[in-house]
Amino acid sequence: MILRDIKAYIREHGQVSLEDIINHFDLTLEGAEAMTERLVEQGFIQHIPQTSHCSTGQCSGCTQAHPSDRYQWIPKKLKPLKL
């Protein structure tokens, strides 16, 4: 049920940070990351990593989730009706 709620939340807002999801749903960083990872795998959202969280200002490509990472809804293209 929470996965569906997170999906609806991101769809409604278009783009949200991981911190927004954590605060809105009262989740841990790990819990929010697991939920958003599933939605990415299912093709509903895309992950937009933020490089500003790196201490040097240059991302080293780490795979850890950061609260400032963002997730964007991927609108589904409508299929044309066959007449």
PDB file of N, CA and C in Angstrom:
ATOM      1  N   MET A   1       0.816  -1.179   0.000  1.00  0.00           N
ATOM      2  CA  MET A   1       0.000   0.000   0.000  1.00  0.00           C
ATOM      3  C   MET A   1       0.870   1.257   0.000  1.00  0.00           C
ATOM      4  N   ILE A   2       1.928   1.296   0.774  1.00  0.00           N
ATOM      5  CA  ILE A   2       2.772   2.489   0.829  1.00  0.00           C
ATOM      6  C   ILE A   2       3.455   2.749  -0.509  1.00  0.00           C
ATOM      7  N   LEU A   3       3.786   1.704  -1.237  1.00  0.00           N
ATOM      8  CA  LEU A   3       4.410   1.878  -2.546  1.00  0.00           C
ATOM      9  C   LEU A   3       3.456   2.615  -3.486  1.00  0.00           C
ATOM     10  N   ARG A   4       2.198   2.235  -3.459  1.00  0.00           N
ATOM     11  CA  ARG A   4       1.178   2.915  -4.273  1.00  0.00           C
ATOM     12  C   ARG A   4       1.037   4.376  -3.841  1.00  0.00           C
ATOM     13  N   ASP A   5       1.106   4.640  -2.547  1.00  0.00           N
ATOM     14  CA  ASP A   5       0.997   6.009  -2.032  1.00  0.00           C
ATOM     15  C   ASP A   5       2.190   6.863  -2.464  1.00  0.00           C
ATOM     16  N   ILE A   6       3.376   6.283  -2.427  1.00  0.00           N
ATOM     17  CA  ILE A   6       4.574   7.005  -2.861  1.00  0.00           C
ATOM     18  C   ILE A   6       4.494   7.297  -4.354  1.00  0.00           C
ATOM     19  N   LYS A   7       4.040   6.318  -5.124  1.00  0.00           N
ATOM     20  CA  LYS A   7       3.886   6.514  -6.571  1.00  0.00           C
ATOM     21  C   LYS A   7       2.912   7.666  -6.847  1.00  0.00           C
ATOM     22  N   ALA A   8       1.797   7.696  -6.148  1.00  0.00           N
ATOM     23  CA  ALA A   8       0.809   8.762  -6.330  1.00  0.00           C
ATOM     24  C   ALA A   8       1.381  10.119  -5.910  1.00  0.00           C
ATOM     25  N   TYR A   9       2.150  10.139  -4.845  1.00  0.00           N
ATOM     26  CA  TYR A   9       2.762  11.371  -4.347  1.00  0.00           C
ATOM     27  C   TYR A   9       3.723  11.958  -5.377  1.00  0.00           C
ATOM     28  N   ILE A  10       4.563  11.103  -5.961  1.00  0.00           N
ATOM     29  CA  ILE A  10       5.521  11.582  -6.968  1.00  0.00           C
ATOM     30  C   ILE A  10       4.786  12.013  -8.227  1.00  0.00           C
ATOM     31  N   ARG A  11       3.786  11.256  -8.637  1.00  0.00           N
ATOM     32  CA  ARG A  11       3.011  11.626  -9.831  1.00  0.00           C
ATOM     33  C   ARG A  11       2.333  12.980  -9.634  1.00  0.00           C
ATOM     34  N   GLU A  12       1.784  13.202  -8.461  1.00  0.00           N
ATOM     35  CA  GLU A  12       1.081  14.457  -8.156  1.00  0.00           C
ATOM     36  C   GLU A  12       2.029  15.663  -8.170  1.00  0.00           C
ATOM     37  N   HIS A  13       3.246  15.473  -7.654  1.00  0.00           N
ATOM     38  CA  HIS A  13       4.192  16.581  -7.547  1.00  0.00           C
ATOM     39  C   HIS A  13       5.143  16.702  -8.740  1.00  0.00           C
ATOM     40  N   GLY A  14       5.230  15.669  -9.562  1.00  0.00           N
ATOM     41  CA  GLY A  14       6.098  15.715 -10.732  1.00  0.00           C
ATOM     42  C   GLY A  14       7.534  15.363 -10.429  1.00  0.00           C
ATOM     43  N   GLN A  15       8.110  16.008  -9.422  1.00  0.00           N
ATOM     44  CA  GLN A  15       9.486  15.744  -9.015  1.00  0.00           C
ATOM     45  C   GLN A  15       9.603  16.054  -7.526  1.00  0.00           C
ATOM     46  N   VAL A  16      10.197  15.132  -6.783  1.00  0.00           N
ATOM     47  CA  VAL A  16      10.365  15.298  -5.337  1.00  0.00           C
ATOM     48  C   VAL A  16      11.745  14.812  -4.926  1.00  0.00           C
ATOM     49  N   SER A  17      12.206  15.282  -3.784  1.00  0.00           N
ATOM     50  CA  SER A  17      13.479  14.796  -3.254  1.00  0.00           C
ATOM     51  C   SER A  17      13.218  13.564  -2.384  1.00  0.00           C
ATOM     52  N   LEU A  18      14.262  12.801  -2.173  1.00  0.00           N
ATOM     53  CA  LEU A  18      14.156  11.649  -1.283  1.00  0.00           C
ATOM     54  C   LEU A  18      13.787  12.127   0.121  1.00  0.00           C
ATOM     55  N   GLU A  19      14.301  13.288   0.502  1.00  0.00           N
ATOM     56  CA  GLU A  19      13.972  13.867   1.804  1.00  0.00           C
ATOM     57  C   GLU A  19      12.482  14.170   1.915  1.00  0.00           C
ATOM     58  N   ASP A  20      11.870  14.654   0.819  1.00  0.00           N
ATOM     59  CA  ASP A  20      10.421  14.895   0.816  1.00  0.00           C
ATOM     60  C   ASP A  20       9.661  13.602   1.118  1.00  0.00           C
ATOM     61  N   ILE A  21      10.081  12.515   0.479  1.00  0.00           N
ATOM     62  CA  ILE A  21       9.425  11.219   0.675  1.00  0.00           C
ATOM     63  C   ILE A  21       9.623  10.733   2.107  1.00  0.00           C
ATOM     64  N   ILE A  22      10.846  10.863   2.610  1.00  0.00           N
ATOM     65  CA  ILE A  22      11.145  10.451   3.983  1.00  0.00           C
ATOM     66  C   ILE A  22      10.252  11.187   4.971  1.00  0.00           C
ATOM     67  N   ASN A  23      10.165  12.498   4.817  1.00  0.00           N
ATOM     68  CA  ASN A  23       9.370  13.307   5.749  1.00  0.00           C
ATOM     69  C   ASN A  23       7.877  13.081   5.592  1.00  0.00           C
ATOM     70  N   HIS A  24       7.396  13.024   4.363  1.00  0.00           N
ATOM     71  CA  HIS A  24       5.956  12.887   4.128  1.00  0.00           C
ATOM     72  C   HIS A  24       5.420  11.543   4.632  1.00  0.00           C
ATOM     73  N   PHE A  25       6.192  10.478   4.438  1.00  0.00           N
ATOM     74  CA  PHE A  25       5.733   9.138   4.803  1.00  0.00           C
ATOM     75  C   PHE A  25       6.368   8.610   6.085  1.00  0.00           C
ATOM     76  N   ASP A  26       7.185   9.440   6.747  1.00  0.00           N
ATOM     77  CA  ASP A  26       7.846   9.069   7.996  1.00  0.00           C
ATOM     78  C   ASP A  26       8.628   7.757   7.841  1.00  0.00           C
ATOM     79  N   LEU A  27       9.507   7.743   6.826  1.00  0.00           N
ATOM     80  CA  LEU A  27      10.315   6.569   6.523  1.00  0.00           C
ATOM     81  C   LEU A  27      11.775   6.817   6.882  1.00  0.00           C
ATOM     82  N   THR A  28      12.530   5.739   6.986  1.00  0.00           N
ATOM     83  CA  THR A  28      13.976   5.855   7.116  1.00  0.00           C
ATOM     84  C   THR A  28      14.566   6.077   5.720  1.00  0.00           C
ATOM     85  N   LEU A  29      15.813   6.503   5.663  1.00  0.00           N
ATOM     86  CA  LEU A  29      16.486   6.670   4.378  1.00  0.00           C
ATOM     87  C   LEU A  29      16.495   5.342   3.620  1.00  0.00           C
ATOM     88  N   GLU A  30      16.800   4.263   4.315  1.00  0.00           N
ATOM     89  CA  GLU A  30      16.869   2.947   3.680  1.00  0.00           C
ATOM     90  C   GLU A  30      15.503   2.505   3.167  1.00  0.00           C
ATOM     91  N   GLY A  31      14.456   2.759   3.939  1.00  0.00           N
ATOM     92  CA  GLY A  31      13.105   2.384   3.524  1.00  0.00           C
ATOM     93  C   GLY A  31      12.648   3.158   2.306  1.00  0.00           C
ATOM     94  N   ALA A  32      12.899   4.463   2.304  1.00  0.00           N
ATOM     95  CA  ALA A  32      12.516   5.295   1.166  1.00  0.00           C
ATOM     96  C   ALA A  32      13.303   4.902  -0.075  1.00  0.00           C
ATOM     97  N   GLU A  33      14.584   4.591   0.112  1.00  0.00           N
ATOM     98  CA  GLU A  33      15.411   4.182  -1.016  1.00  0.00           C
ATOM     99  C   GLU A  33      14.895   2.873  -1.618  1.00  0.00           C
ATOM    100  N   ALA A  34      14.525   1.923  -0.791  1.00  0.00           N
ATOM    101  CA  ALA A  34      14.012   0.640  -1.279  1.00  0.00           C
ATOM    102  C   ALA A  34      12.718   0.828  -2.073  1.00  0.00           C
ATOM    103  N   MET A  35      11.854   1.692  -1.577  1.00  0.00           N
ATOM    104  CA  MET A  35      10.576   1.938  -2.267  1.00  0.00           C
ATOM    105  C   MET A  35      10.786   2.630  -3.610  1.00  0.00           C
ATOM    106  N   THR A  36      11.613   3.653  -3.618  1.00  0.00           N
ATOM    107  CA  THR A  36      11.829   4.382  -4.871  1.00  0.00           C
ATOM    108  C   THR A  36      12.589   3.517  -5.874  1.00  0.00           C
ATOM    109  N   GLU A  37      13.472   2.663  -5.388  1.00  0.00           N
ATOM    110  CA  GLU A  37      14.205   1.768  -6.285  1.00  0.00           C
ATOM    111  C   GLU A  37      13.240   0.846  -7.032  1.00  0.00           C
ATOM    112  N   ARG A  38      12.224   0.364  -6.336  1.00  0.00           N
ATOM    113  CA  ARG A  38      11.222  -0.492  -6.988  1.00  0.00           C
ATOM    114  C   ARG A  38      10.459   0.265  -8.056  1.00  0.00           C
ATOM    115  N   LEU A  39      10.119   1.524  -7.763  1.00  0.00           N
ATOM    116  CA  LEU A  39       9.378   2.326  -8.743  1.00  0.00           C
ATOM    117  C   LEU A  39      10.242   2.651  -9.959  1.00  0.00           C
ATOM    118  N   VAL A  40      11.553   2.823  -9.738  1.00  0.00           N
ATOM    119  CA  VAL A  40      12.480   3.041 -10.855  1.00  0.00           C
ATOM    120  C   VAL A  40      12.514   1.780 -11.716  1.00  0.00           C
ATOM    121  N   GLU A  41      12.654   0.617 -11.082  1.00  0.00           N
ATOM    122  CA  GLU A  41      12.704  -0.654 -11.808  1.00  0.00           C
ATOM    123  C   GLU A  41      11.432  -0.899 -12.611  1.00  0.00           C
ATOM    124  N   GLN A  42      10.296  -0.454 -12.084  1.00  0.00           N
ATOM    125  CA  GLN A  42       9.014  -0.651 -12.757  1.00  0.00           C
ATOM    126  C   GLN A  42       8.780   0.378 -13.861  1.00  0.00           C
ATOM    127  N   GLY A  43       9.656   1.389 -13.939  1.00  0.00           N
ATOM    128  CA  GLY A  43       9.560   2.371 -15.012  1.00  0.00           C
ATOM    129  C   GLY A  43       8.618   3.532 -14.753  1.00  0.00           C
ATOM    130  N   PHE A  44       8.199   3.715 -13.500  1.00  0.00           N
ATOM    131  CA  PHE A  44       7.293   4.815 -13.173  1.00  0.00           C
ATOM    132  C   PHE A  44       8.021   6.129 -12.920  1.00  0.00           C
ATOM    133  N   ILE A  45       9.231   6.039 -12.370  1.00  0.00           N
ATOM    134  CA  ILE A  45       9.994   7.239 -12.015  1.00  0.00           C
ATOM    135  C   ILE A  45      11.439   7.083 -12.460  1.00  0.00           C
ATOM    136  N   GLN A  46      12.151   8.209 -12.501  1.00  0.00           N
ATOM    137  CA  GLN A  46      13.587   8.151 -12.760  1.00  0.00           C
ATOM    138  C   GLN A  46      14.325   8.841 -11.624  1.00  0.00           C
ATOM    139  N   HIS A  47      15.494   8.320 -11.336  1.00  0.00           N
ATOM    140  CA  HIS A  47      16.347   8.842 -10.270  1.00  0.00           C
ATOM    141  C   HIS A  47      17.215   9.955 -10.833  1.00  0.00           C
ATOM    142  N   ILE A  48      17.240  11.088 -10.145  1.00  0.00           N
ATOM    143  CA  ILE A  48      18.073  12.219 -10.544  1.00  0.00           C
ATOM    144  C   ILE A  48      19.031  12.492  -9.391  1.00  0.00           C
ATOM    145  N   PRO A  49      20.245  11.900  -9.430  1.00  0.00           N
ATOM    146  CA  PRO A  49      21.189  12.103  -8.326  1.00  0.00           C
ATOM    147  C   PRO A  49      21.659  13.551  -8.273  1.00  0.00           C
ATOM    148  N   GLN A  50      21.844  14.050  -7.078  1.00  0.00           N
ATOM    149  CA  GLN A  50      22.324  15.411  -6.864  1.00  0.00           C
ATOM    150  C   GLN A  50      23.799  15.344  -6.498  1.00  0.00           C
ATOM    151  N   THR A  51      24.626  16.036  -7.231  1.00  0.00           N
ATOM    152  CA  THR A  51      26.061  15.993  -6.964  1.00  0.00           C
ATOM    153  C   THR A  51      26.487  16.988  -5.901  1.00  0.00           C
ATOM    154  N   SER A  52      25.617  17.878  -5.494  1.00  0.00           N
ATOM    155  CA  SER A  52      25.995  18.904  -4.522  1.00  0.00           C
ATOM    156  C   SER A  52      26.238  18.340  -3.126  1.00  0.00           C
ATOM    157  N   HIS A  53      25.837  17.091  -2.870  1.00  0.00           N
ATOM    158  CA  HIS A  53      26.020  16.529  -1.534  1.00  0.00           C
ATOM    159  C   HIS A  53      27.438  16.032  -1.293  1.00  0.00           C
ATOM    160  N   CYS A  54      28.224  15.894  -2.333  1.00  0.00           N
ATOM    161  CA  CYS A  54      29.605  15.430  -2.150  1.00  0.00           C
ATOM    162  C   CYS A  54      30.439  16.518  -1.469  1.00  0.00           C
ATOM    163  N   SER A  55      31.277  16.118  -0.568  1.00  0.00           N
ATOM    164  CA  SER A  55      32.035  17.090   0.225  1.00  0.00           C
ATOM    165  C   SER A  55      32.955  17.959  -0.632  1.00  0.00           C
ATOM    166  N   THR A  56      33.441  17.434  -1.744  1.00  0.00           N
ATOM    167  CA  THR A  56      34.341  18.217  -2.594  1.00  0.00           C
ATOM    168  C   THR A  56      33.589  18.983  -3.676  1.00  0.00           C
ATOM    169  N   GLY A  57      32.281  18.714  -3.786  1.00  0.00           N
ATOM    170  CA  GLY A  57      31.513  19.345  -4.853  1.00  0.00           C
ATOM    171  C   GLY A  57      31.582  18.564  -6.151  1.00  0.00           C
ATOM    172  N   GLN A  58      32.367  17.501  -6.169  1.00  0.00           N
ATOM    173  CA  GLN A  58      32.455  16.654  -7.357  1.00  0.00           C
ATOM    174  C   GLN A  58      32.094  15.232  -6.942  1.00  0.00           C
ATOM    175  N   CYS A  59      31.064  14.736  -7.549  1.00  0.00           N
ATOM    176  CA  CYS A  59      30.576  13.403  -7.194  1.00  0.00           C
ATOM    177  C   CYS A  59      31.571  12.346  -7.644  1.00  0.00           C
ATOM    178  N   SER A  60      31.821  11.385  -6.786  1.00  0.00           N
ATOM    179  CA  SER A  60      32.744  10.301  -7.130  1.00  0.00           C
ATOM    180  C   SER A  60      31.998   9.084  -7.660  1.00  0.00           C
ATOM    181  N   GLY A  61      30.700   9.226  -7.867  1.00  0.00           N
ATOM    182  CA  GLY A  61      29.924   8.121  -8.420  1.00  0.00           C
ATOM    183  C   GLY A  61      29.497   7.089  -7.393  1.00  0.00           C
ATOM    184  N   CYS A  62      29.403   7.476  -6.126  1.00  0.00           N
ATOM    185  CA  CYS A  62      28.992   6.517  -5.105  1.00  0.00           C
ATOM    186  C   CYS A  62      27.552   6.077  -5.373  1.00  0.00           C
ATOM    187  N   THR A  63      27.184   4.934  -4.856  1.00  0.00           N
ATOM    188  CA  THR A  63      25.844   4.408  -5.096  1.00  0.00           C
ATOM    189  C   THR A  63      24.925   4.613  -3.903  1.00  0.00           C
ATOM    190  N   GLN A  64      25.385   5.296  -2.874  1.00  0.00           N
ATOM    191  CA  GLN A  64      24.561   5.539  -1.699  1.00  0.00           C
ATOM    192  C   GLN A  64      23.486   6.569  -2.016  1.00  0.00           C
ATOM    193  N   ALA A  65      22.316   6.368  -1.430  1.00  0.00           N
ATOM    194  CA  ALA A  65      21.239   7.342  -1.585  1.00  0.00           C
ATOM    195  C   ALA A  65      21.517   8.527  -0.674  1.00  0.00           C
ATOM    196  N   HIS A  66      21.120   9.682  -1.121  1.00  0.00           N
ATOM    197  CA  HIS A  66      21.268  10.903  -0.344  1.00  0.00           C
ATOM    198  C   HIS A  66      19.911  11.605  -0.288  1.00  0.00           C
ATOM    199  N   PRO A  67      19.563  12.192   0.848  1.00  0.00           N
ATOM    200  CA  PRO A  67      18.272  12.860   0.963  1.00  0.00           C
ATOM    201  C   PRO A  67      18.027  13.922  -0.103  1.00  0.00           C
ATOM    202  N   SER A  68      19.087  14.500  -0.668  1.00  0.00           N
ATOM    203  CA  SER A  68      18.895  15.539  -1.680  1.00  0.00           C
ATOM    204  C   SER A  68      18.655  14.961  -3.074  1.00  0.00           C
ATOM    205  N   ASP A  69      18.829  13.636  -3.248  1.00  0.00           N
ATOM    206  CA  ASP A  69      18.530  13.016  -4.540  1.00  0.00           C
ATOM    207  C   ASP A  69      17.067  13.241  -4.880  1.00  0.00           C
ATOM    208  N   ARG A  70      16.782  13.368  -6.161  1.00  0.00           N
ATOM    209  CA  ARG A  70      15.426  13.660  -6.602  1.00  0.00           C
ATOM    210  C   ARG A  70      14.890  12.516  -7.461  1.00  0.00           C
ATOM    211  N   TYR A  71      13.575  12.429  -7.498  1.00  0.00           N
ATOM    212  CA  TYR A  71      12.888  11.432  -8.310  1.00  0.00           C
ATOM    213  C   TYR A  71      11.827  12.148  -9.124  1.00  0.00           C
ATOM    214  N   GLN A  72      11.762  11.794 -10.398  1.00  0.00           N
ATOM    215  CA  GLN A  72      10.846  12.460 -11.318  1.00  0.00           C
ATOM    216  C   GLN A  72       9.888  11.439 -11.911  1.00  0.00           C
ATOM    217  N   TRP A  73       8.636  11.840 -11.998  1.00  0.00           N
ATOM    218  CA  TRP A  73       7.610  10.999 -12.602  1.00  0.00           C
ATOM    219  C   TRP A  73       7.861  10.894 -14.100  1.00  0.00           C
ATOM    220  N   ILE A  74       7.687   9.713 -14.662  1.00  0.00           N
ATOM    221  CA  ILE A  74       7.830   9.499 -16.099  1.00  0.00           C
ATOM    222  C   ILE A  74       6.431   9.324 -16.675  1.00  0.00           C
ATOM    223  N   PRO A  75       5.948  10.339 -17.394  1.00  0.00           N
ATOM    224  CA  PRO A  75       4.602  10.198 -17.970  1.00  0.00           C
ATOM    225  C   PRO A  75       4.589   9.114 -19.049  1.00  0.00           C
ATOM    226  N   LYS A  76       3.556   8.333 -19.041  1.00  0.00           N
ATOM    227  CA  LYS A  76       3.413   7.286 -20.052  1.00  0.00           C
ATOM    228  C   LYS A  76       2.840   7.901 -21.319  1.00  0.00           C
ATOM    229  N   LYS A  77       3.414   7.526 -22.438  1.00  0.00           N
ATOM    230  CA  LYS A  77       2.914   8.012 -23.713  1.00  0.00           C
ATOM    231  C   LYS A  77       1.597   7.313 -24.029  1.00  0.00           C
ATOM    232  N   LEU A  78       0.661   8.086 -24.484  1.00  0.00           N
ATOM    233  CA  LEU A  78      -0.624   7.499 -24.862  1.00  0.00           C
ATOM    234  C   LEU A  78      -0.483   6.813 -26.215  1.00  0.00           C
ATOM    235  N   LYS A  79      -0.992   5.620 -26.288  1.00  0.00           N
ATOM    236  CA  LYS A  79      -0.975   4.905 -27.555  1.00  0.00           C
ATOM    237  C   LYS A  79      -2.114   5.409 -28.429  1.00  0.00           C
ATOM    238  N   PRO A  80      -1.845   5.627 -29.713  1.00  0.00           N
ATOM    239  CA  PRO A  80      -2.927   6.066 -30.592  1.00  0.00           C
ATOM    240  C   PRO A  80      -3.989   4.987 -30.734  1.00  0.00           C
ATOM    241  N   LEU A  81      -5.217   5.415 -30.796  1.00  0.00           N
ATOM    242  CA  LEU A  81      -6.323   4.485 -30.977  1.00  0.00           C
ATOM    243  C   LEU A  81      -6.346   3.975 -32.399  1.00  0.00           C
ATOM    244  N   LYS A  82      -6.570   2.699 -32.535  1.00  0.00           N
ATOM    245  CA  LYS A  82      -6.707   2.125 -33.876  1.00  0.00           C
ATOM    246  C   LYS A  82      -8.178   2.205 -34.268  1.00  0.00           C
ATOM    247  N   LEU A  83      -8.421   2.821 -35.404  1.00  0.00           N
ATOM    248  CA  LEU A  83      -9.802   2.959 -35.877  1.00  0.00           C
ATOM    249  C   LEU A  83     -10.120   1.965 -36.955  1.00  0.00           C
TER     250      LEU A  83
END
